[in-house]
Every structure is written in C-alpha cells, then in structure tokens.
Amino acid sequence: MRRDRTAVLAALSTTLTSGAVEGNATRIKLLKRQMYGRAKLDLLRRPIFLAP
C-alpha cells in the first residue's frame, strides 16, 4: 500500500467512475450469452452498435 499511496489517494479523491464502461461490458456479455451458438460475429455486431 505504501508503494501505491499516490494511486490510492487519487482513486479516493476523484469523482470519475467507470460505471458507463462497466454497464456496456455487462450488456455485451449478456448479448453474447443469449446468442451463443445461434449467431456469428456479423449478427452480434448489429445489436451492440445500434444500442444507445
């Protein structure tokens, strides 16, 4: 912890989060699970890129 003191202080003092990125990753994983065995990559791209 002492070596990473600056990183820990920066993480605790900033207001930025990775919530939006984590939400998109979760949504993509869900789509991949739903389409497993039924679709190839070209069909999987469509719902990923068209979603808001």
Protein backbone atom coordinates (compact mmCIF):
# COMPACT_ATOMS: atom_id res chain seq x y z
CA MET A 1 0.00 0.00 0.00
CA ARG A 2 2.85 2.37 0.69
CA ARG A 3 4.22 1.97 -2.82
CA ASP A 4 0.79 2.73 -4.31
CA ARG A 5 -0.04 5.60 -1.97
CA THR A 6 -0.44 8.14 -4.78
CA ALA A 7 -2.73 5.82 -6.74
CA VAL A 8 -4.88 5.12 -3.69
CA LEU A 9 -5.17 8.83 -2.86
CA ALA A 10 -6.07 9.64 -6.46
CA ALA A 11 -8.75 6.93 -6.51
CA LEU A 12 -10.28 8.19 -3.30
CA SER A 13 -10.20 11.88 -4.21
CA THR A 14 -11.54 11.75 -7.79
CA THR A 15 -15.21 11.80 -8.75
CA LEU A 16 -14.76 9.93 -12.03
CA THR A 17 -16.18 6.42 -12.28
CA SER A 18 -16.13 3.64 -14.85
CA GLY A 19 -19.82 2.90 -14.45
CA ALA A 20 -20.73 3.56 -18.07
CA VAL A 21 -17.96 1.32 -19.36
CA GLU A 22 -18.89 -1.47 -16.94
CA GLY A 23 -22.53 -1.20 -17.97
CA ASN A 24 -21.67 -1.57 -21.65
CA ALA A 25 -19.41 -4.54 -20.96
CA THR A 26 -22.17 -6.25 -18.98
CA ARG A 27 -24.70 -5.62 -21.75
CA ILE A 28 -22.36 -7.04 -24.41
CA LYS A 29 -21.70 -10.15 -22.32
CA LEU A 30 -25.44 -10.67 -21.90
CA LEU A 31 -25.99 -10.40 -25.66
CA LYS A 32 -23.18 -12.88 -26.30
CA ARG A 33 -24.74 -15.38 -23.87
CA GLN A 34 -28.18 -15.02 -25.42
CA MET A 35 -26.87 -15.53 -28.96
CA TYR A 36 -24.43 -18.34 -28.16
CA GLY A 37 -24.50 -20.98 -30.89
CA ARG A 38 -27.09 -19.15 -32.95
CA ALA A 39 -25.23 -16.25 -34.48
CA LYS A 40 -21.86 -15.41 -35.88
CA LEU A 41 -19.95 -12.23 -35.20
CA ASP A 42 -21.63 -10.26 -38.00
CA LEU A 43 -25.07 -10.76 -36.40
CA LEU A 44 -23.72 -9.99 -32.95
CA ARG A 45 -22.30 -6.64 -34.05
CA ARG A 46 -25.68 -5.25 -35.04
CA PRO A 47 -27.30 -5.08 -31.55
CA ILE A 48 -24.04 -3.94 -29.98
CA PHE A 49 -23.51 -0.98 -32.31
CA LEU A 50 -27.16 0.02 -32.70
CA ALA A 51 -27.98 0.15 -28.99
CA PRO A 52 -27.99 3.61 -27.39
